[in-house]
């Protein structure tokens, strides 16, 4: 006997979704073999305040696609003339200490979560978040975390403007994100490595 999804109330569905997330870790996403970028992002003491103290760094390995080039008429908060917007999905993530060094580009990095940001103590990295992007051939990364292993890679600043996007983390997002990963949207800032 099958049960129609219409028989569940939203409270029952929410409870089932939370229970399934808590009971089982997320499986690797189908986009992991196509991941092409690593983001190193600051988790600030005051969520969303990029000027507050950094309490942790988050490494997100993502599948990203370039969306738009920002011209003078499109610039605004978080996007400057000459930036490129990127959008895609998080494939896996780790939370590291505030000053992780080159480990974020190491091919031996231990991953803590598939498909979404790592949360610790009820907190995680939130948008806006500033950091770095390494956009290149991830198969070339080595244990030392050398950024120069791919001469074609982009190694520059990146600002995440939005996590979750249209679906968010609840509702339909609670069904989609475990399947394909949490969505990430931000701007690549060429030639602005700190």
Protein backbone atom coordinates (compact mmCIF):
# COMPACT_ATOMS: atom_id res chain seq x y z
CA UNK A 1 0.00 0.00 0.00
CA UNK A 2 1.37 3.42 -0.93
CA UNK A 3 0.66 6.63 0.89
CA UNK A 4 -0.16 9.73 -1.08
CA UNK A 5 2.12 12.71 -0.34
CA UNK A 6 -1.07 14.77 -0.03
CA UNK A 7 -1.87 12.97 3.21
CA UNK A 8 1.11 14.55 5.01
CA UNK A 9 0.73 17.93 6.65
CA UNK A 10 3.61 20.37 6.26
CA UNK A 11 4.52 19.81 9.93
CA UNK A 12 4.73 16.04 9.35
CA UNK A 13 6.83 16.56 6.21
CA UNK A 14 9.15 18.98 8.00
CA UNK A 15 9.59 16.49 10.86
CA UNK A 16 10.37 13.66 8.42
CA UNK A 17 12.85 15.82 6.48
CA UNK A 18 14.64 16.90 9.68
CA UNK A 19 14.74 13.32 10.95
CA UNK A 20 16.19 11.98 7.70
CA UNK A 21 18.86 14.73 7.63
CA UNK A 22 19.84 14.11 11.25
CA UNK A 23 19.90 10.33 10.94
CA UNK A 24 21.96 10.04 7.75
CA UNK A 25 24.89 12.04 6.41
CA UNK A 26 24.44 13.46 2.95
CA UNK A 27 25.73 11.26 0.17
CA UNK A 28 28.29 12.55 -2.38
CA UNK A 29 26.53 14.69 -4.98
CA UNK A 30 26.43 13.65 -8.64
CA UNK A 31 28.30 16.89 -9.47
CA UNK A 32 31.40 15.98 -7.42
CA UNK A 33 33.26 14.49 -10.44
CA UNK A 34 32.74 17.83 -12.22
CA UNK A 35 33.89 20.10 -9.37
CA UNK A 36 36.15 22.83 -10.73
CA UNK A 37 36.66 25.28 -7.87
CA UNK A 38 37.56 25.62 -4.24
CA UNK A 39 36.38 28.57 -2.19
CA UNK A 40 38.03 29.67 1.06
CA UNK A 41 35.49 31.78 2.93
CA UNK A 42 35.52 33.56 6.28
CA UNK A 43 32.94 32.82 8.96
CA UNK A 44 32.66 36.07 10.89
CA UNK A 45 31.85 36.55 14.60
CA UNK A 46 28.86 38.66 13.56
CA UNK A 47 27.10 36.75 10.76
CA UNK A 48 27.01 38.81 7.56
CA UNK A 49 29.40 41.50 8.92
CA UNK A 50 32.58 40.99 6.91
CA UNK A 51 34.43 43.50 9.14
CA UNK A 52 33.95 41.46 12.34
CA UNK A 53 36.52 38.95 13.61
CA UNK A 54 37.00 35.73 11.67
CA UNK A 55 36.12 32.72 13.85
CA UNK A 56 36.65 29.99 11.24
CA UNK A 57 37.39 29.46 7.57
CA UNK A 58 35.26 27.27 5.32
CA UNK A 59 36.49 25.39 2.27
CA UNK A 60 33.78 24.67 -0.27
CA UNK A 61 34.55 22.50 -3.27
CA UNK A 62 32.06 23.47 -5.98
CA UNK A 63 30.89 22.97 -9.50
CA UNK A 64 30.67 26.55 -10.82
CA UNK A 65 29.70 28.14 -14.12
CA UNK A 66 30.34 31.72 -15.12
CA UNK A 67 27.15 33.72 -15.52
CA UNK A 68 27.85 37.39 -16.34
CA UNK A 69 30.55 39.98 -16.82
CA UNK A 70 29.81 43.07 -14.71
CA UNK A 71 29.98 46.34 -16.62
CA UNK A 72 29.86 49.86 -15.16
CA UNK A 73 26.06 49.97 -15.39
CA UNK A 74 25.60 46.68 -13.43
CA UNK A 75 27.99 47.24 -10.55
CA UNK A 76 26.68 47.58 -7.02
CA UNK A 77 27.12 46.06 -3.54
CA UNK A 78 29.44 43.06 -3.82
CA UNK A 79 29.88 43.39 -7.59
CA UNK A 80 32.33 45.80 -9.18
CA UNK A 81 33.03 46.69 -12.80
CA UNK A 82 35.20 43.93 -14.26
CA UNK A 83 33.95 41.16 -11.94
CA UNK A 84 32.41 37.93 -13.19
CA UNK A 85 29.41 36.35 -11.50
CA UNK A 86 29.49 32.61 -10.93
CA UNK A 87 26.79 30.23 -9.84
CA UNK A 88 26.79 26.55 -9.06
CA UNK A 89 26.51 23.89 -6.41
CA UNK A 90 28.53 22.95 -3.35
CA UNK A 91 29.89 19.41 -3.71
CA UNK A 92 31.63 19.07 -0.32
CA UNK A 93 32.86 21.26 2.51
CA UNK A 94 35.09 21.53 5.58
CA UNK A 95 35.37 23.98 8.46
CA UNK A 96 38.94 24.97 9.36
CA UNK A 97 40.64 27.24 11.92
CA UNK A 98 40.82 30.99 11.12
CA UNK A 99 44.32 30.78 9.54
CA UNK A 100 44.48 27.43 7.72
CA UNK A 101 47.42 28.16 5.42
CA UNK A 102 47.75 26.15 2.20
CA UNK A 103 45.80 23.12 3.53
CA UNK A 104 42.66 24.46 1.83
CA UNK A 105 44.18 23.51 -1.55
CA UNK A 106 45.60 20.18 -0.42
CA UNK A 107 44.34 17.07 -2.19
CA UNK A 108 44.47 15.31 1.19
CA UNK A 109 42.04 17.69 2.92
CA UNK A 110 39.54 15.84 5.12
CA UNK A 111 36.00 16.67 4.05
CA UNK A 112 33.33 16.97 6.76
CA UNK A 113 30.10 17.45 4.78
CA UNK A 114 28.80 16.62 1.31
CA UNK A 115 26.65 19.07 -0.63
CA UNK A 116 26.35 21.93 1.87
CA UNK A 117 28.17 24.22 4.27
CA UNK A 118 29.43 22.77 7.55
CA UNK A 119 27.57 24.00 10.64
CA UNK A 120 29.13 23.97 14.10
CA UNK A 121 27.38 25.02 17.28
CA UNK A 122 24.37 26.18 15.26
CA UNK A 123 26.51 28.52 13.10
CA UNK A 124 28.01 28.42 9.62
CA UNK A 125 29.44 30.76 7.01
CA UNK A 126 26.72 33.09 5.68
CA UNK A 127 26.43 35.57 2.83
CA UNK A 128 27.94 37.96 2.22
CA UNK A 129 31.25 36.23 2.76
CA UNK A 130 34.62 37.29 1.40
CA UNK A 131 37.49 35.02 0.57
CA UNK A 132 39.41 33.34 -2.21
CA UNK A 133 38.68 31.13 -5.19
CA UNK A 134 40.91 28.63 -6.94
CA UNK A 135 39.16 27.80 -10.21
CA UNK A 136 41.04 25.13 -12.11
CA UNK A 137 41.77 21.43 -12.59
CA UNK A 138 41.29 19.99 -9.09
CA UNK A 139 42.93 16.70 -10.11
CA UNK A 140 46.28 18.56 -10.24
CA UNK A 141 46.19 19.58 -6.56
CA UNK A 142 48.91 18.02 -4.39
CA UNK A 143 49.30 17.29 -0.64
CA UNK A 144 51.25 20.55 -0.08
CA UNK A 145 48.37 22.68 -1.39
CA UNK A 146 50.46 24.49 -3.99
CA UNK A 147 48.32 26.95 -5.96
CA UNK A 148 50.64 27.03 -8.98
CA UNK A 149 50.06 23.39 -10.04
CA UNK A 150 47.69 24.51 -12.81
CA UNK A 151 49.05 27.40 -14.90
CA UNK A 152 45.54 28.05 -16.26
CA UNK A 153 43.80 28.26 -12.88
CA UNK A 154 42.21 31.47 -11.57
CA UNK A 155 43.54 32.21 -8.09
CA UNK A 156 41.91 35.39 -6.88
CA UNK A 157 39.35 37.00 -4.57
CA UNK A 158 35.75 35.81 -4.43
CA UNK A 159 32.67 37.11 -2.63
CA UNK A 160 29.66 34.88 -1.99
CA UNK A 161 26.49 36.92 -2.32
CA UNK A 162 23.95 34.14 -1.74
CA UNK A 163 23.68 30.57 -0.47
CA UNK A 164 20.67 28.37 -1.17
CA UNK A 165 19.21 30.69 -3.81
CA UNK A 166 15.58 30.25 -4.88
CA UNK A 167 14.77 27.14 -2.87
CA UNK A 168 16.56 28.00 0.39
CA UNK A 169 17.23 25.33 3.01
CA UNK A 170 13.63 24.42 3.83
CA UNK A 171 10.62 23.35 1.82
CA UNK A 172 11.59 22.10 -1.61
CA UNK A 173 15.20 22.99 -0.80
CA UNK A 174 15.20 20.27 1.88
CA UNK A 175 14.45 17.77 -0.89
CA UNK A 176 16.70 19.21 -3.62
CA UNK A 177 19.84 20.08 -1.69
CA UNK A 178 20.68 16.53 -0.51
CA UNK A 179 20.38 15.39 -4.14
CA UNK A 180 22.42 18.03 -5.99
CA UNK A 181 23.98 20.22 -3.30
CA UNK A 182 23.41 23.66 -1.88
CA UNK A 183 23.47 26.44 -4.45
CA UNK A 184 26.12 29.17 -4.25
CA UNK A 185 26.24 32.49 -6.13
CA UNK A 186 29.03 35.05 -6.06
CA UNK A 187 31.56 37.22 -7.83
CA UNK A 188 35.06 36.41 -8.99
CA UNK A 189 37.31 39.46 -8.78
CA UNK A 190 40.08 39.02 -11.38
CA UNK A 191 43.66 39.91 -10.48
CA UNK A 192 42.84 40.93 -6.90
CA UNK A 193 44.65 38.29 -4.89
CA UNK A 194 45.20 39.55 -1.35
